[in-house]
């Protein structure tokens, strides 16, 4: 099995980057290098995108004078307050309706 892995074979040059026949071991080594380069490139792009997003958010916040995190927090608190008030009003309405029915 070891000899079969060391036997030179022809691989697709566009897929492997190998221009001459190579063993499966060499192909695996080249593939690992290629995958590592791709991973490093993707990591750099991801880091760049995250930094760009952060800077854009900061610039928007400075330009508009609005802190979006704070505004979203306040909006969620207002929504919860509205829901609680709506429940209280519905309960009071039901109580008044029950009282009116009892008086009839």
PDB file of N, CA and C in Angstrom:
ATOM      1  N   UNK A   1       0.828  -1.179   0.000  1.00  0.00           N
ATOM      2  CA  UNK A   1       0.000   0.000   0.000  1.00  0.00           C
ATOM      3  C   UNK A   1       0.879   1.252   0.000  1.00  0.00           C
ATOM      4  N   UNK A   2       1.960   1.198   0.751  1.00  0.00           N
ATOM      5  CA  UNK A   2       2.880   2.336   0.806  1.00  0.00           C
ATOM      6  C   UNK A   2       3.481   2.609  -0.565  1.00  0.00           C
ATOM      7  N   UNK A   3       3.813   1.553  -1.300  1.00  0.00           N
ATOM      8  CA  UNK A   3       4.371   1.744  -2.651  1.00  0.00           C
ATOM      9  C   UNK A   3       3.336   2.337  -3.581  1.00  0.00           C
ATOM     10  N   UNK A   4       2.097   1.946  -3.429  1.00  0.00           N
ATOM     11  CA  UNK A   4       1.044   2.500  -4.294  1.00  0.00           C
ATOM     12  C   UNK A   4       0.870   3.986  -4.031  1.00  0.00           C
ATOM     13  N   UNK A   5       1.022   4.408  -2.779  1.00  0.00           N
ATOM     14  CA  UNK A   5       0.902   5.828  -2.459  1.00  0.00           C
ATOM     15  C   UNK A   5       2.095   6.630  -2.974  1.00  0.00           C
ATOM     16  N   UNK A   6       3.261   5.975  -3.079  1.00  0.00           N
ATOM     17  CA  UNK A   6       4.465   6.656  -3.557  1.00  0.00           C
ATOM     18  C   UNK A   6       4.601   6.631  -5.077  1.00  0.00           C
ATOM     19  N   UNK A   7       3.769   5.883  -5.765  1.00  0.00           N
ATOM     20  CA  UNK A   7       3.852   5.782  -7.215  1.00  0.00           C
ATOM     21  C   UNK A   7       3.378   7.079  -7.860  1.00  0.00           C
ATOM     22  N   UNK A   8       4.186   7.653  -8.767  1.00  0.00           N
ATOM     23  CA  UNK A   8       3.767   8.898  -9.438  1.00  0.00           C
ATOM     24  C   UNK A   8       2.531   8.675 -10.312  1.00  0.00           C
ATOM     25  N   UNK A   9       1.622   9.635 -10.262  1.00  0.00           N
ATOM     26  CA  UNK A   9       0.392   9.589 -11.054  1.00  0.00           C
ATOM     27  C   UNK A   9       0.177  10.967 -11.661  1.00  0.00           C
ATOM     28  N   UNK A  10      -0.603  11.001 -12.712  1.00  0.00           N
ATOM     29  CA  UNK A  10      -0.936  12.288 -13.342  1.00  0.00           C
ATOM     30  C   UNK A  10      -2.222  12.806 -12.712  1.00  0.00           C
ATOM     31  N   UNK A  11      -2.184  14.058 -12.266  1.00  0.00           N
ATOM     32  CA  UNK A  11      -3.362  14.710 -11.687  1.00  0.00           C
ATOM     33  C   UNK A  11      -3.736  15.891 -12.578  1.00  0.00           C
ATOM     34  N   UNK A  12      -4.978  16.273 -12.540  1.00  0.00           N
ATOM     35  CA  UNK A  12      -5.435  17.430 -13.310  1.00  0.00           C
ATOM     36  C   UNK A  12      -4.704  18.677 -12.811  1.00  0.00           C
ATOM     37  N   UNK A  13      -3.956  19.321 -13.695  1.00  0.00           N
ATOM     38  CA  UNK A  13      -3.134  20.468 -13.289  1.00  0.00           C
ATOM     39  C   UNK A  13      -3.988  21.641 -12.814  1.00  0.00           C
ATOM     40  N   UNK A  14      -5.184  21.796 -13.378  1.00  0.00           N
ATOM     41  CA  UNK A  14      -6.025  22.927 -12.959  1.00  0.00           C
ATOM     42  C   UNK A  14      -6.570  22.713 -11.549  1.00  0.00           C
ATOM     43  N   UNK A  15      -6.755  21.483 -11.150  1.00  0.00           N
ATOM     44  CA  UNK A  15      -7.282  21.199  -9.818  1.00  0.00           C
ATOM     45  C   UNK A  15      -6.177  21.096  -8.778  1.00  0.00           C
ATOM     46  N   UNK A  16      -5.026  20.565  -9.176  1.00  0.00           N
ATOM     47  CA  UNK A  16      -3.999  20.299  -8.171  1.00  0.00           C
ATOM     48  C   UNK A  16      -2.866  21.314  -8.160  1.00  0.00           C
ATOM     49  N   UNK A  17      -2.629  21.968  -9.274  1.00  0.00           N
ATOM     50  CA  UNK A  17      -1.507  22.887  -9.355  1.00  0.00           C
ATOM     51  C   UNK A  17      -0.200  22.165  -9.636  1.00  0.00           C
ATOM     52  N   UNK A  18      -0.232  20.838  -9.745  1.00  0.00           N
ATOM     53  CA  UNK A  18       0.958  20.053 -10.058  1.00  0.00           C
ATOM     54  C   UNK A  18       1.082  19.943 -11.573  1.00  0.00           C
ATOM     55  N   UNK A  19       2.248  20.278 -12.095  1.00  0.00           N
ATOM     56  CA  UNK A  19       2.435  20.222 -13.549  1.00  0.00           C
ATOM     57  C   UNK A  19       3.036  18.906 -13.999  1.00  0.00           C
ATOM     58  N   UNK A  20       3.650  18.176 -13.100  1.00  0.00           N
ATOM     59  CA  UNK A  20       4.246  16.892 -13.459  1.00  0.00           C
ATOM     60  C   UNK A  20       3.602  15.800 -12.617  1.00  0.00           C
ATOM     61  N   UNK A  21       3.756  14.556 -13.037  1.00  0.00           N
ATOM     62  CA  UNK A  21       3.194  13.471 -12.222  1.00  0.00           C
ATOM     63  C   UNK A  21       3.770  13.499 -10.811  1.00  0.00           C
ATOM     64  N   UNK A  22       2.923  13.176  -9.858  1.00  0.00           N
ATOM     65  CA  UNK A  22       3.341  13.181  -8.459  1.00  0.00           C
ATOM     66  C   UNK A  22       2.651  12.042  -7.737  1.00  0.00           C
ATOM     67  N   UNK A  23       3.182  11.697  -6.595  1.00  0.00           N
ATOM     68  CA  UNK A  23       2.580  10.621  -5.808  1.00  0.00           C
ATOM     69  C   UNK A  23       1.356  11.170  -5.068  1.00  0.00           C
ATOM     70  N   UNK A  24       0.570  10.258  -4.534  1.00  0.00           N
ATOM     71  CA  UNK A  24      -0.609  10.643  -3.770  1.00  0.00           C
ATOM     72  C   UNK A  24      -0.189  11.426  -2.531  1.00  0.00           C
ATOM     73  N   UNK A  25       0.938  11.048  -1.935  1.00  0.00           N
ATOM     74  CA  UNK A  25       1.442  11.768  -0.767  1.00  0.00           C
ATOM     75  C   UNK A  25       1.783  13.215  -1.134  1.00  0.00           C
ATOM     76  N   UNK A  26       2.476  13.403  -2.270  1.00  0.00           N
ATOM     77  CA  UNK A  26       2.823  14.756  -2.714  1.00  0.00           C
ATOM     78  C   UNK A  26       1.561  15.559  -3.039  1.00  0.00           C
ATOM     79  N   UNK A  27       0.597  14.876  -3.687  1.00  0.00           N
ATOM     80  CA  UNK A  27      -0.670  15.541  -4.013  1.00  0.00           C
ATOM     81  C   UNK A  27      -1.390  15.980  -2.735  1.00  0.00           C
ATOM     82  N   UNK A  28      -1.387  15.130  -1.728  1.00  0.00           N
ATOM     83  CA  UNK A  28      -2.038  15.469  -0.459  1.00  0.00           C
ATOM     84  C   UNK A  28      -1.339  16.639   0.205  1.00  0.00           C
ATOM     85  N   UNK A  29      -0.004  16.648   0.161  1.00  0.00           N
ATOM     86  CA  UNK A  29       0.750  17.758   0.733  1.00  0.00           C
ATOM     87  C   UNK A  29       0.434  19.058   0.009  1.00  0.00           C
ATOM     88  N   UNK A  30       0.432  19.007  -1.318  1.00  0.00           N
ATOM     89  CA  UNK A  30       0.104  20.191  -2.113  1.00  0.00           C
ATOM     90  C   UNK A  30      -1.338  20.653  -1.839  1.00  0.00           C
ATOM     91  N   UNK A  31      -2.235  19.696  -1.690  1.00  0.00           N
ATOM     92  CA  UNK A  31      -3.637  20.040  -1.416  1.00  0.00           C
ATOM     93  C   UNK A  31      -3.767  20.730  -0.068  1.00  0.00           C
ATOM     94  N   UNK A  32      -3.040  20.253   0.918  1.00  0.00           N
ATOM     95  CA  UNK A  32      -3.088  20.867   2.236  1.00  0.00           C
ATOM     96  C   UNK A  32      -2.557  22.295   2.179  1.00  0.00           C
ATOM     97  N   UNK A  33      -1.480  22.499   1.428  1.00  0.00           N
ATOM     98  CA  UNK A  33      -0.925  23.844   1.276  1.00  0.00           C
ATOM     99  C   UNK A  33      -1.934  24.754   0.598  1.00  0.00           C
ATOM    100  N   UNK A  34      -2.544  24.245  -0.451  1.00  0.00           N
ATOM    101  CA  UNK A  34      -3.533  25.011  -1.206  1.00  0.00           C
ATOM    102  C   UNK A  34      -4.737  25.352  -0.331  1.00  0.00           C
ATOM    103  N   UNK A  35      -5.212  24.384   0.437  1.00  0.00           N
ATOM    104  CA  UNK A  35      -6.345  24.628   1.320  1.00  0.00           C
ATOM    105  C   UNK A  35      -5.990  25.633   2.416  1.00  0.00           C
ATOM    106  N   UNK A  36      -4.762  25.569   2.933  1.00  0.00           N
ATOM    107  CA  UNK A  36      -4.320  26.507   3.952  1.00  0.00           C
ATOM    108  C   UNK A  36      -4.274  27.924   3.387  1.00  0.00           C
ATOM    109  N   UNK A  37      -3.792  28.065   2.150  1.00  0.00           N
ATOM    110  CA  UNK A  37      -3.761  29.379   1.510  1.00  0.00           C
ATOM    111  C   UNK A  37      -5.181  29.920   1.317  1.00  0.00           C
ATOM    112  N   UNK A  38      -6.096  29.056   0.896  1.00  0.00           N
ATOM    113  CA  UNK A  38      -7.495  29.474   0.729  1.00  0.00           C
ATOM    114  C   UNK A  38      -8.117  29.884   2.058  1.00  0.00           C
ATOM    115  N   UNK A  39      -7.842  29.107   3.106  1.00  0.00           N
ATOM    116  CA  UNK A  39      -8.380  29.426   4.424  1.00  0.00           C
ATOM    117  C   UNK A  39      -7.831  30.760   4.928  1.00  0.00           C
ATOM    118  N   UNK A  40      -6.545  30.973   4.749  1.00  0.00           N
ATOM    119  CA  UNK A  40      -5.933  32.226   5.183  1.00  0.00           C
ATOM    120  C   UNK A  40      -6.529  33.404   4.412  1.00  0.00           C
ATOM    121  N   UNK A  41      -6.742  33.223   3.112  1.00  0.00           N
ATOM    122  CA  UNK A  41      -7.358  34.280   2.303  1.00  0.00           C
ATOM    123  C   UNK A  41      -8.778  34.571   2.754  1.00  0.00           C
ATOM    124  N   UNK A  42      -9.537  33.534   3.041  1.00  0.00           N
ATOM    125  CA  UNK A  42     -10.917  33.723   3.509  1.00  0.00           C
ATOM    126  C   UNK A  42     -10.933  34.409   4.869  1.00  0.00           C
ATOM    127  N   UNK A  43      -9.989  34.059   5.733  1.00  0.00           N
ATOM    128  CA  UNK A  43      -9.902  34.696   7.052  1.00  0.00           C
ATOM    129  C   UNK A  43      -9.570  36.180   6.913  1.00  0.00           C
ATOM    130  N   UNK A  44      -8.631  36.506   6.006  1.00  0.00           N
ATOM    131  CA  UNK A  44      -8.292  37.913   5.777  1.00  0.00           C
ATOM    132  C   UNK A  44      -9.509  38.685   5.270  1.00  0.00           C
ATOM    133  N   UNK A  45     -10.251  38.088   4.326  1.00  0.00           N
ATOM    134  CA  UNK A  45     -11.449  38.744   3.803  1.00  0.00           C
ATOM    135  C   UNK A  45     -12.496  38.929   4.886  1.00  0.00           C
ATOM    136  N   UNK A  46     -12.652  37.923   5.736  1.00  0.00           N
ATOM    137  CA  UNK A  46     -13.620  38.020   6.830  1.00  0.00           C
ATOM    138  C   UNK A  46     -13.228  39.113   7.819  1.00  0.00           C
ATOM    139  N   UNK A  47     -11.958  39.167   8.168  1.00  0.00           N
ATOM    140  CA  UNK A  47     -11.477  40.207   9.079  1.00  0.00           C
ATOM    141  C   UNK A  47     -11.673  41.590   8.477  1.00  0.00           C
ATOM    142  N   UNK A  48     -11.376  41.711   7.185  1.00  0.00           N
ATOM    143  CA  UNK A  48     -11.544  42.997   6.503  1.00  0.00           C
ATOM    144  C   UNK A  48     -13.016  43.413   6.501  1.00  0.00           C
ATOM    145  N   UNK A  49     -13.905  42.463   6.203  1.00  0.00           N
ATOM    146  CA  UNK A  49     -15.334  42.772   6.179  1.00  0.00           C
ATOM    147  C   UNK A  49     -15.843  43.189   7.552  1.00  0.00           C
ATOM    148  N   UNK A  50     -15.380  42.512   8.593  1.00  0.00           N
ATOM    149  CA  UNK A  50     -15.799  42.858   9.953  1.00  0.00           C
ATOM    150  C   UNK A  50     -15.305  44.255  10.330  1.00  0.00           C
ATOM    151  N   UNK A  51     -14.063  44.560   9.974  1.00  0.00           N
ATOM    152  CA  UNK A  51     -13.519  45.892  10.268  1.00  0.00           C
ATOM    153  C   UNK A  51     -14.259  46.963   9.485  1.00  0.00           C
ATOM    154  N   UNK A  52     -14.569  46.666   8.226  1.00  0.00           N
ATOM    155  CA  UNK A  52     -15.304  47.618   7.399  1.00  0.00           C
ATOM    156  C   UNK A  52     -16.700  47.872   7.957  1.00  0.00           C
ATOM    157  N   UNK A  53     -17.379  46.823   8.384  1.00  0.00           N
ATOM    158  CA  UNK A  53     -18.700  46.963   8.980  1.00  0.00           C
ATOM    159  C   UNK A  53     -18.646  47.793  10.248  1.00  0.00           C
ATOM    160  N   UNK A  54     -17.654  47.524  11.082  1.00  0.00           N
ATOM    161  CA  UNK A  54     -17.510  48.275  12.327  1.00  0.00           C
ATOM    162  C   UNK A  54     -17.261  49.754  12.043  1.00  0.00           C
ATOM    163  N   UNK A  55     -16.376  50.039  11.108  1.00  0.00           N
ATOM    164  CA  UNK A  55     -16.079  51.435  10.776  1.00  0.00           C
ATOM    165  C   UNK A  55     -17.288  52.119  10.144  1.00  0.00           C
ATOM    166  N   UNK A  56     -18.021  51.399   9.303  1.00  0.00           N
ATOM    167  CA  UNK A  56     -19.210  51.991   8.685  1.00  0.00           C
ATOM    168  C   UNK A  56     -20.268  52.295   9.745  1.00  0.00           C
ATOM    169  N   UNK A  57     -20.446  51.383  10.698  1.00  0.00           N
ATOM    170  CA  UNK A  57     -21.415  51.610  11.773  1.00  0.00           C
ATOM    171  C   UNK A  57     -21.011  52.804  12.628  1.00  0.00           C
ATOM    172  N   UNK A  58     -19.722  52.886  12.939  1.00  0.00           N
ATOM    173  CA  UNK A  58     -19.234  54.027  13.717  1.00  0.00           C
ATOM    174  C   UNK A  58     -19.432  55.332  12.960  1.00  0.00           C
ATOM    175  N   UNK A  59     -19.130  55.312  11.668  1.00  0.00           N
ATOM    176  CA  UNK A  59     -19.299  56.522  10.854  1.00  0.00           C
ATOM    177  C   UNK A  59     -20.760  56.934  10.779  1.00  0.00           C
ATOM    178  N   UNK A  60     -21.650  55.962  10.608  1.00  0.00           N
ATOM    179  CA  UNK A  60     -23.079  56.259  10.559  1.00  0.00           C
ATOM    180  C   UNK A  60     -23.545  56.835  11.881  1.00  0.00           C
ATOM    181  N   UNK A  61     -23.076  56.255  12.973  1.00  0.00           N
ATOM    182  CA  UNK A  61     -23.451  56.745  14.298  1.00  0.00           C
ATOM    183  C   UNK A  61     -22.966  58.179  14.508  1.00  0.00           C
ATOM    184  N   UNK A  62     -21.726  58.451  14.089  1.00  0.00           N
ATOM    185  CA  UNK A  62     -21.201  59.809  14.228  1.00  0.00           C
ATOM    186  C   UNK A  62     -21.920  60.787  13.317  1.00  0.00           C
ATOM    187  N   UNK A  63     -22.254  60.353  12.102  1.00  0.00           N
ATOM    188  CA  UNK A  63     -22.896  61.246  11.131  1.00  0.00           C
ATOM    189  C   UNK A  63     -24.328  61.577  11.535  1.00  0.00           C
ATOM    190  N   UNK A  64     -25.039  60.598  12.050  1.00  0.00           N
ATOM    191  CA  UNK A  64     -26.438  60.820  12.398  1.00  0.00           C
ATOM    192  C   UNK A  64     -26.609  61.241  13.847  1.00  0.00           C
ATOM    193  N   UNK A  65     -25.590  61.023  14.660  1.00  0.00           N
ATOM    194  CA  UNK A  65     -25.698  61.352  16.075  1.00  0.00           C
ATOM    195  C   UNK A  65     -26.625  60.395  16.802  1.00  0.00           C
ATOM    196  N   UNK A  66     -26.823  59.214  16.233  1.00  0.00           N
ATOM    197  CA  UNK A  66     -27.740  58.238  16.811  1.00  0.00           C
ATOM    198  C   UNK A  66     -26.963  56.964  17.127  1.00  0.00           C
ATOM    199  N   UNK A  67     -27.122  56.487  18.355  1.00  0.00           N
ATOM    200  CA  UNK A  67     -26.534  55.213  18.754  1.00  0.00           C
ATOM    201  C   UNK A  67     -27.597  54.138  18.498  1.00  0.00           C
ATOM    202  N   UNK A  68     -27.379  53.344  17.458  1.00  0.00           N
ATOM    203  CA  UNK A  68     -28.397  52.367  17.053  1.00  0.00           C
ATOM    204  C   UNK A  68     -28.667  51.326  18.127  1.00  0.00           C
ATOM    205  N   UNK A  69     -27.640  50.894  18.850  1.00  0.00           N
ATOM    206  CA  UNK A  69     -27.861  49.904  19.916  1.00  0.00           C
ATOM    207  C   UNK A  69     -28.785  50.466  20.991  1.00  0.00           C
ATOM    208  N   UNK A  70     -28.528  51.691  21.393  1.00  0.00           N
ATOM    209  CA  UNK A  70     -29.367  52.332  22.415  1.00  0.00           C
ATOM    210  C   UNK A  70     -30.791  52.523  21.903  1.00  0.00           C
ATOM    211  N   UNK A  71     -30.913  52.964  20.660  1.00  0.00           N
ATOM    212  CA  UNK A  71     -32.246  53.187  20.093  1.00  0.00           C
ATOM    213  C   UNK A  71     -33.038  51.888  19.996  1.00  0.00           C
ATOM    214  N   UNK A  72     -32.388  50.794  19.617  1.00  0.00           N
ATOM    215  CA  UNK A  72     -33.087  49.505  19.549  1.00  0.00           C
ATOM    216  C   UNK A  72     -33.510  49.036  20.938  1.00  0.00           C
ATOM    217  N   UNK A  73     -32.675  49.277  21.936  1.00  0.00           N
ATOM    218  CA  UNK A  73     -33.017  48.906  23.303  1.00  0.00           C
ATOM    219  C   UNK A  73     -34.244  49.678  23.774  1.00  0.00           C
ATOM    220  N   UNK A  74     -34.249  50.976  23.519  1.00  0.00           N
ATOM    221  CA  UNK A  74     -35.393  51.809  23.908  1.00  0.00           C
ATOM    222  C   UNK A  74     -36.649  51.368  23.159  1.00  0.00           C
ATOM    223  N   UNK A  75     -36.503  51.049  21.873  1.00  0.00           N
ATOM    224  CA  UNK A  75     -37.659  50.614  21.083  1.00  0.00           C
ATOM    225  C   UNK A  75     -38.236  49.313  21.643  1.00  0.00           C
ATOM    226  N   UNK A  76     -37.382  48.383  22.046  1.00  0.00           N
ATOM    227  CA  UNK A  76     -37.871  47.126  22.617  1.00  0.00           C
ATOM    228  C   UNK A  76     -38.567  47.365  23.953  1.00  0.00           C
ATOM    229  N   UNK A  77     -38.036  48.271  24.771  1.00  0.00           N
ATOM    230  CA  UNK A  77     -38.682  48.592  26.043  1.00  0.00           C
ATOM    231  C   UNK A  77     -40.052  49.225  25.797  1.00  0.00           C
ATOM    232  N   UNK A  78     -40.140  50.116  24.819  1.00  0.00           N
ATOM    233  CA  UNK A  78     -41.430  50.732  24.494  1.00  0.00           C
ATOM    234  C   UNK A  78     -42.436  49.695  24.002  1.00  0.00           C
ATOM    235  N   UNK A  79     -41.956  48.754  23.204  1.00  0.00           N
ATOM    236  CA  UNK A  79     -42.843  47.712  22.700  1.00  0.00           C
ATOM    237  C   UNK A  79     -43.378  46.863  23.848  1.00  0.00           C
ATOM    238  N   UNK A  80     -42.525  46.502  24.784  1.00  0.00           N
ATOM    239  CA  UNK A  80     -42.976  45.712  25.937  1.00  0.00           C
ATOM    240  C   UNK A  80     -43.960  46.506  26.796  1.00  0.00           C
ATOM    241  N   UNK A  81     -43.691  47.795  26.976  1.00  0.00           N
ATOM    242  CA  UNK A  81     -44.607  48.637  27.744  1.00  0.00           C
ATOM    243  C   UNK A  81     -45.961  48.718  27.054  1.00  0.00           C
ATOM    244  N   UNK A  82     -45.941  48.861  25.741  1.00  0.00           N
ATOM    245  CA  UNK A  82     -47.185  48.922  24.978  1.00  0.00           C
ATOM    246  C   UNK A  82     -47.973  47.614  25.133  1.00  0.00           C
ATOM    247  N   UNK A  83     -47.271  46.475  25.041  1.00  0.00           N
ATOM    248  CA  UNK A  83     -47.941  45.182  25.192  1.00  0.00           C
ATOM    249  C   UNK A  83     -48.557  45.050  26.582  1.00  0.00           C
ATOM    250  N   UNK A  84     -47.831  45.464  27.609  1.00  0.00           N
ATOM    251  CA  UNK A  84     -48.356  45.371  28.974  1.00  0.00           C
ATOM    252  C   UNK A  84     -49.569  46.279  29.140  1.00  0.00           C
ATOM    253  N   UNK A  85     -49.502  47.497  28.603  1.00  0.00           N
ATOM    254  CA  UNK A  85     -50.624  48.426  28.691  1.00  0.00           C
ATOM    255  C   UNK A  85     -51.834  47.885  27.943  1.00  0.00           C
ATOM    256  N   UNK A  86     -51.608  47.275  26.797  1.00  0.00           N
ATOM    257  CA  UNK A  86     -52.709  46.693  26.033  1.00  0.00           C
ATOM    258  C   UNK A  86     -53.382  45.580  26.820  1.00  0.00           C
ATOM    259  N   UNK A  87     -52.587  44.765  27.525  1.00  0.00           N
ATOM    260  CA  UNK A  87     -53.171  43.697  28.353  1.00  0.00           C
ATOM    261  C   UNK A  87     -53.985  44.274  29.508  1.00  0.00           C
ATOM    262  N   UNK A  88     -53.474  45.326  30.136  1.00  0.00           N
ATOM    263  CA  UNK A  88     -54.204  45.956  31.241  1.00  0.00           C
ATOM    264  C   UNK A  88     -55.524  46.507  30.737  1.00  0.00           C
ATOM    265  N   UNK A  89     -55.505  47.199  29.592  1.00  0.00           N
ATOM    266  CA  UNK A  89     -56.741  47.760  29.041  1.00  0.00           C
ATOM    267  C   UNK A  89     -57.743  46.670  28.665  1.00  0.00           C
ATOM    268  N   UNK A  90     -57.237  45.565  28.110  1.00  0.00           N
ATOM    269  CA  UNK A  90     -58.135  44.458  27.758  1.00  0.00           C
ATOM    270  C   UNK A  90     -58.757  43.862  29.014  1.00  0.00           C
ATOM    271  N   UNK A  91     -57.980  43.739  30.090  1.00  0.00           N
ATOM    272  CA  UNK A  91     -58.491  43.205  31.351  1.00  0.00           C
ATOM    273  C   UNK A  91     -59.540  44.141  31.949  1.00  0.00           C
ATOM    274  N   UNK A  92     -59.262  45.437  31.946  1.00  0.00           N
ATOM    275  CA  UNK A  92     -60.222  46.414  32.467  1.00  0.00           C
ATOM    276  C   UNK A  92     -61.495  46.384  31.633  1.00  0.00           C
ATOM    277  N   UNK A  93     -61.361  46.270  30.320  1.00  0.00           N
ATOM    278  CA  UNK A  93     -62.530  46.199  29.442  1.00  0.00           C
ATOM    279  C   UNK A  93     -63.366  44.968  29.760  1.00  0.00           C
ATOM    280  N   UNK A  94     -62.708  43.842  29.978  1.00  0.00           N
ATOM    281  CA  UNK A  94     -63.436  42.610  30.332  1.00  0.00           C
ATOM    282  C   UNK A  94     -64.131  42.754  31.682  1.00  0.00           C
ATOM    283  N   UNK A  95     -63.456  43.389  32.627  1.00  0.00           N
ATOM    284  CA  UNK A  95     -64.056  43.594  33.953  1.00  0.00           C
ATOM    285  C   UNK A  95     -65.279  44.482  33.853  1.00  0.00           C
ATOM    286  N   UNK A  96     -65.196  45.566  33.081  1.00  0.00           N
ATOM    287  CA  UNK A  96     -66.354  46.468  32.918  1.00  0.00           C
ATOM    288  C   UNK A  96     -67.495  45.755  32.190  1.00  0.00           C
ATOM    289  N   UNK A  97     -67.148  44.963  31.184  1.00  0.00           N
ATOM    290  CA  UNK A  97     -68.183  44.216  30.465  1.00  0.00           C
ATOM    291  C   UNK A  97     -68.880  43.234  31.412  1.00  0.00           C
ATOM    292  N   UNK A  98     -68.112  42.541  32.270  1.00  0.00           N
ATOM    293  CA  UNK A  98     -68.694  41.615  33.229  1.00  0.00           C
ATOM    294  C   UNK A  98     -69.568  42.340  34.248  1.00  0.00           C
ATOM    295  N   UNK A  99     -69.122  43.507  34.700  1.00  0.00           N
ATOM    296  CA  UNK A  99     -69.887  44.306  35.645  1.00  0.00           C
ATOM    297  C   UNK A  99     -71.209  44.753  35.020  1.00  0.00           C
ATOM    298  N   UNK A 100     -71.151  45.207  33.775  1.00  0.00           N
ATOM    299  CA  UNK A 100     -72.383  45.642  33.086  1.00  0.00           C
ATOM    300  C   UNK A 100     -73.360  44.493  32.900  1.00  0.00           C
ATOM    301  N   UNK A 101     -72.842  43.303  32.588  1.00  0.00           N
ATOM    302  CA  UNK A 101     -73.716  42.134  32.426  1.00  0.00           C
ATOM    303  C   UNK A 101     -74.327  41.749  33.766  1.00  0.00           C
ATOM    304  N   UNK A 102     -73.573  41.872  34.832  1.00  0.00           N
ATOM    305  CA  UNK A 102     -74.084  41.516  36.163  1.00  0.00           C
ATOM    306  C   UNK A 102     -75.184  42.490  36.599  1.00  0.00           C
ATOM    307  N   UNK A 103     -75.077  43.737  36.177  1.00  0.00           N
ATOM    308  CA  UNK A 103     -76.077  44.735  36.570  1.00  0.00           C
ATOM    309  C   UNK A 103     -77.364  44.602  35.780  1.00  0.00           C
ATOM    310  N   UNK A 104     -77.347  43.983  34.658  1.00  0.00           N
ATOM    311  CA  UNK A 104     -78.545  43.849  33.832  1.00  0.00           C
ATOM    312  C   UNK A 104     -79.448  42.834  34.351  1.00  0.00           C
TER     313      UNK A 104
END
